[in-house]
Amino acid sequence: MKKFRVALLKRLKLRESWVIFFMLGLVMMNYPFLEIFNKSNRIFAIPQLYLYFVGGWAISIGVIYLFTRAIDQPEDEHDEGDHR
């Protein structure tokens, strides 16, 4: 589990990951996806579009949290498991 965590944090430091998540956010907030959720159906008396926005907002906060954790990670901790 620790190797997975270290690999994930190391990957999130890469600039390409930042660009990919930014572009994904832009795509998710445009026409095809907004039209899918802009229906009169309600879930727990809340319109689907509102739930889509709130859910996307919560997920983006989680992704930003992971990115900040990756930035705050010192470089020598990534190599901690490689010392023999």
N, C-alpha and C. Protein backbone atom coordinates (compact mmCIF):
# COMPACT_ATOMS: atom_id res chain seq x y z
N MET A 1 0.83 -1.20 0.00
CA MET A 1 0.00 0.00 0.00
C MET A 1 0.87 1.26 0.00
N LYS A 2 1.99 1.21 0.74
CA LYS A 2 2.88 2.37 0.80
C LYS A 2 3.53 2.63 -0.55
N LYS A 3 3.88 1.55 -1.29
CA LYS A 3 4.47 1.74 -2.61
C LYS A 3 3.48 2.40 -3.56
N PHE A 4 2.21 2.01 -3.46
CA PHE A 4 1.17 2.62 -4.30
C PHE A 4 1.03 4.10 -3.97
N ARG A 5 1.03 4.44 -2.68
CA ARG A 5 0.91 5.83 -2.26
C ARG A 5 2.07 6.66 -2.77
N VAL A 6 3.28 6.13 -2.63
CA VAL A 6 4.47 6.85 -3.08
C VAL A 6 4.44 7.01 -4.60
N ALA A 7 4.04 5.97 -5.33
CA ALA A 7 3.98 6.05 -6.79
C ALA A 7 2.92 7.06 -7.22
N LEU A 8 1.78 7.08 -6.55
CA LEU A 8 0.72 8.04 -6.89
C LEU A 8 1.17 9.46 -6.63
N LEU A 9 1.78 9.72 -5.50
CA LEU A 9 2.24 11.07 -5.19
C LEU A 9 3.35 11.52 -6.14
N LYS A 10 4.20 10.58 -6.53
CA LYS A 10 5.26 10.93 -7.48
C LYS A 10 4.66 11.26 -8.85
N ARG A 11 3.66 10.52 -9.25
CA ARG A 11 3.01 10.76 -10.55
C ARG A 11 2.27 12.08 -10.57
N LEU A 12 1.66 12.44 -9.45
CA LEU A 12 0.90 13.68 -9.39
C LEU A 12 1.79 14.92 -9.44
N LYS A 13 3.07 14.76 -9.20
CA LYS A 13 3.98 15.89 -9.30
C LYS A 13 4.24 16.30 -10.75
N LEU A 14 3.98 15.41 -11.68
CA LEU A 14 4.28 15.68 -13.07
C LEU A 14 3.31 16.72 -13.64
N ARG A 15 3.83 17.59 -14.47
CA ARG A 15 3.04 18.66 -15.08
C ARG A 15 1.93 18.10 -15.96
N GLU A 16 2.17 16.96 -16.61
CA GLU A 16 1.16 16.38 -17.49
C GLU A 16 -0.10 16.01 -16.72
N SER A 17 0.05 15.56 -15.49
CA SER A 17 -1.12 15.21 -14.67
C SER A 17 -1.96 16.44 -14.39
N TRP A 18 -1.31 17.56 -14.12
CA TRP A 18 -2.04 18.80 -13.87
C TRP A 18 -2.83 19.20 -15.11
N VAL A 19 -2.21 19.12 -16.26
CA VAL A 19 -2.86 19.51 -17.52
C VAL A 19 -4.02 18.58 -17.83
N ILE A 20 -3.83 17.29 -17.63
CA ILE A 20 -4.89 16.32 -17.91
C ILE A 20 -6.11 16.59 -17.03
N PHE A 21 -5.91 16.80 -15.74
CA PHE A 21 -7.05 17.05 -14.85
C PHE A 21 -7.72 18.39 -15.15
N PHE A 22 -6.95 19.39 -15.56
CA PHE A 22 -7.54 20.68 -15.93
C PHE A 22 -8.41 20.52 -17.18
N MET A 23 -7.90 19.84 -18.20
CA MET A 23 -8.66 19.63 -19.43
C MET A 23 -9.90 18.78 -19.17
N LEU A 24 -9.78 17.78 -18.32
CA LEU A 24 -10.94 16.95 -17.96
C LEU A 24 -12.01 17.81 -17.29
N GLY A 25 -11.60 18.72 -16.41
CA GLY A 25 -12.55 19.62 -15.77
C GLY A 25 -13.25 20.52 -16.77
N LEU A 26 -12.51 21.02 -17.75
CA LEU A 26 -13.12 21.86 -18.79
C LEU A 26 -14.14 21.07 -19.62
N VAL A 27 -13.79 19.86 -19.98
CA VAL A 27 -14.69 19.04 -20.78
C VAL A 27 -15.95 18.70 -19.99
N MET A 28 -15.79 18.39 -18.71
CA MET A 28 -16.94 18.00 -17.89
C MET A 28 -17.91 19.16 -17.63
N MET A 29 -17.46 20.39 -17.82
CA MET A 29 -18.33 21.54 -17.59
C MET A 29 -18.83 22.17 -18.89
N ASN A 30 -18.85 21.40 -19.98
CA ASN A 30 -19.32 21.91 -21.25
C ASN A 30 -20.50 21.11 -21.77
N TYR A 31 -20.94 21.46 -22.96
CA TYR A 31 -22.21 21.03 -23.54
C TYR A 31 -22.60 19.57 -23.35
N PRO A 32 -21.86 18.61 -23.82
CA PRO A 32 -22.47 17.28 -23.78
C PRO A 32 -22.81 16.81 -22.36
N PHE A 33 -21.94 17.09 -21.42
CA PHE A 33 -22.18 16.61 -20.06
C PHE A 33 -23.25 17.43 -19.35
N LEU A 34 -23.27 18.72 -19.57
CA LEU A 34 -24.30 19.54 -18.94
C LEU A 34 -25.68 19.19 -19.48
N GLU A 35 -25.77 18.87 -20.75
CA GLU A 35 -27.07 18.50 -21.33
C GLU A 35 -27.55 17.15 -20.79
N ILE A 36 -26.64 16.26 -20.51
CA ILE A 36 -27.01 14.94 -19.97
C ILE A 36 -27.69 15.11 -18.61
N PHE A 37 -27.17 15.99 -17.78
CA PHE A 37 -27.69 16.15 -16.41
C PHE A 37 -28.75 17.24 -16.29
N ASN A 38 -29.02 17.99 -17.33
CA ASN A 38 -30.02 19.05 -17.28
C ASN A 38 -31.40 18.48 -17.61
N LYS A 39 -31.89 17.62 -16.77
CA LYS A 39 -33.20 16.96 -16.94
C LYS A 39 -34.10 17.35 -15.77
N SER A 40 -35.36 17.08 -15.95
CA SER A 40 -36.32 17.41 -14.89
C SER A 40 -36.34 16.35 -13.79
N ASN A 41 -35.60 15.26 -13.96
CA ASN A 41 -35.54 14.22 -12.92
C ASN A 41 -34.89 14.78 -11.66
N ARG A 42 -35.36 14.29 -10.53
CA ARG A 42 -34.80 14.73 -9.26
C ARG A 42 -34.37 13.52 -8.44
N ILE A 43 -33.27 13.70 -7.72
CA ILE A 43 -32.78 12.67 -6.81
C ILE A 43 -32.82 13.27 -5.42
N PHE A 44 -33.60 12.66 -4.54
CA PHE A 44 -33.81 13.19 -3.19
C PHE A 44 -34.32 14.64 -3.26
N ALA A 45 -35.21 14.91 -4.19
CA ALA A 45 -35.84 16.23 -4.40
C ALA A 45 -34.84 17.32 -4.81
N ILE A 46 -33.69 16.92 -5.33
CA ILE A 46 -32.68 17.87 -5.79
C ILE A 46 -32.47 17.62 -7.29
N PRO A 47 -32.51 18.66 -8.12
CA PRO A 47 -32.31 18.46 -9.56
C PRO A 47 -30.93 17.84 -9.86
N GLN A 48 -30.90 17.01 -10.89
CA GLN A 48 -29.67 16.30 -11.24
C GLN A 48 -28.52 17.25 -11.55
N LEU A 49 -28.81 18.36 -12.20
CA LEU A 49 -27.74 19.29 -12.57
C LEU A 49 -27.06 19.86 -11.33
N TYR A 50 -27.82 20.16 -10.28
CA TYR A 50 -27.21 20.66 -9.04
C TYR A 50 -26.31 19.60 -8.40
N LEU A 51 -26.78 18.36 -8.40
CA LEU A 51 -25.96 17.28 -7.84
C LEU A 51 -24.69 17.08 -8.66
N TYR A 52 -24.80 17.25 -9.97
CA TYR A 52 -23.63 17.12 -10.84
C TYR A 52 -22.60 18.20 -10.51
N PHE A 53 -23.06 19.43 -10.33
CA PHE A 53 -22.15 20.52 -9.99
C PHE A 53 -21.51 20.32 -8.61
N VAL A 54 -22.31 19.96 -7.64
CA VAL A 54 -21.79 19.77 -6.28
C VAL A 54 -20.84 18.57 -6.23
N GLY A 55 -21.19 17.49 -6.93
CA GLY A 55 -20.31 16.33 -6.98
C GLY A 55 -18.99 16.64 -7.67
N GLY A 56 -19.06 17.37 -8.79
CA GLY A 56 -17.84 17.77 -9.50
C GLY A 56 -16.98 18.68 -8.65
N TRP A 57 -17.62 19.57 -7.91
CA TRP A 57 -16.91 20.48 -7.01
C TRP A 57 -16.17 19.68 -5.93
N ALA A 58 -16.85 18.71 -5.34
CA ALA A 58 -16.24 17.89 -4.28
C ALA A 58 -15.07 17.06 -4.84
N ILE A 59 -15.25 16.49 -6.01
CA ILE A 59 -14.17 15.70 -6.62
C ILE A 59 -12.98 16.59 -6.95
N SER A 60 -13.23 17.80 -7.46
CA SER A 60 -12.11 18.69 -7.79
C SER A 60 -11.36 19.12 -6.53
N ILE A 61 -12.05 19.30 -5.42
CA ILE A 61 -11.37 19.61 -4.16
C ILE A 61 -10.49 18.43 -3.74
N GLY A 62 -10.99 17.21 -3.90
CA GLY A 62 -10.19 16.03 -3.58
C GLY A 62 -8.95 15.91 -4.45
N VAL A 63 -9.08 16.20 -5.74
CA VAL A 63 -7.93 16.15 -6.65
C VAL A 63 -6.92 17.22 -6.28
N ILE A 64 -7.38 18.42 -5.97
CA ILE A 64 -6.47 19.49 -5.57
C ILE A 64 -5.75 19.12 -4.28
N TYR A 65 -6.45 18.48 -3.36
CA TYR A 65 -5.82 18.01 -2.12
C TYR A 65 -4.70 17.02 -2.42
N LEU A 66 -4.96 16.07 -3.33
CA LEU A 66 -3.92 15.11 -3.70
C LEU A 66 -2.72 15.80 -4.35
N PHE A 67 -2.97 16.79 -5.20
CA PHE A 67 -1.87 17.52 -5.83
C PHE A 67 -1.05 18.26 -4.78
N THR A 68 -1.69 18.88 -3.82
CA THR A 68 -0.93 19.61 -2.80
C THR A 68 -0.14 18.65 -1.91
N ARG A 69 -0.68 17.47 -1.65
CA ARG A 69 0.06 16.46 -0.89
C ARG A 69 1.29 16.02 -1.66
N ALA A 70 1.17 15.89 -2.98
CA ALA A 70 2.30 15.48 -3.80
C ALA A 70 3.38 16.55 -3.83
N ILE A 71 3.00 17.80 -3.86
CA ILE A 71 3.97 18.89 -3.89
C ILE A 71 4.70 18.98 -2.55
N ASP A 72 3.99 18.80 -1.46
CA ASP A 72 4.59 18.92 -0.13
C ASP A 72 5.49 17.74 0.23
N GLN A 73 5.42 16.67 -0.55
CA GLN A 73 6.20 15.47 -0.28
C GLN A 73 7.68 15.73 -0.57
N PRO A 74 8.57 15.51 0.40
CA PRO A 74 10.00 15.70 0.12
C PRO A 74 10.51 14.62 -0.83
N GLU A 75 11.51 14.97 -1.61
CA GLU A 75 12.07 14.05 -2.61
C GLU A 75 12.68 12.81 -1.98
N ASP A 76 13.39 12.95 -0.84
CA ASP A 76 14.06 11.80 -0.25
C ASP A 76 13.09 10.78 0.31
N GLU A 77 11.85 11.16 0.59
CA GLU A 77 10.87 10.18 1.07
C GLU A 77 10.47 9.23 -0.04
N HIS A 78 10.51 9.69 -1.30
CA HIS A 78 10.17 8.81 -2.41
C HIS A 78 11.18 7.67 -2.54
N ASP A 79 12.43 7.93 -2.19
CA ASP A 79 13.47 6.93 -2.32
C ASP A 79 13.67 6.11 -1.05
N GLU A 80 12.81 6.30 -0.07
CA GLU A 80 12.96 5.66 1.23
C GLU A 80 12.99 4.14 1.12
N GLY A 81 12.17 3.54 0.27
CA GLY A 81 12.10 2.10 0.15
C GLY A 81 13.24 1.52 -0.66
N ASP A 82 14.03 2.34 -1.37
CA ASP A 82 15.08 1.83 -2.22
C ASP A 82 16.41 1.66 -1.51
N HIS A 83 16.56 2.10 -0.26
CA HIS A 83 17.82 1.98 0.45
C HIS A 83 18.01 0.55 0.92
N ARG A 84 19.16 0.01 0.64
CA ARG A 84 19.41 -1.40 1.06
C ARG A 84 20.69 -1.49 1.78
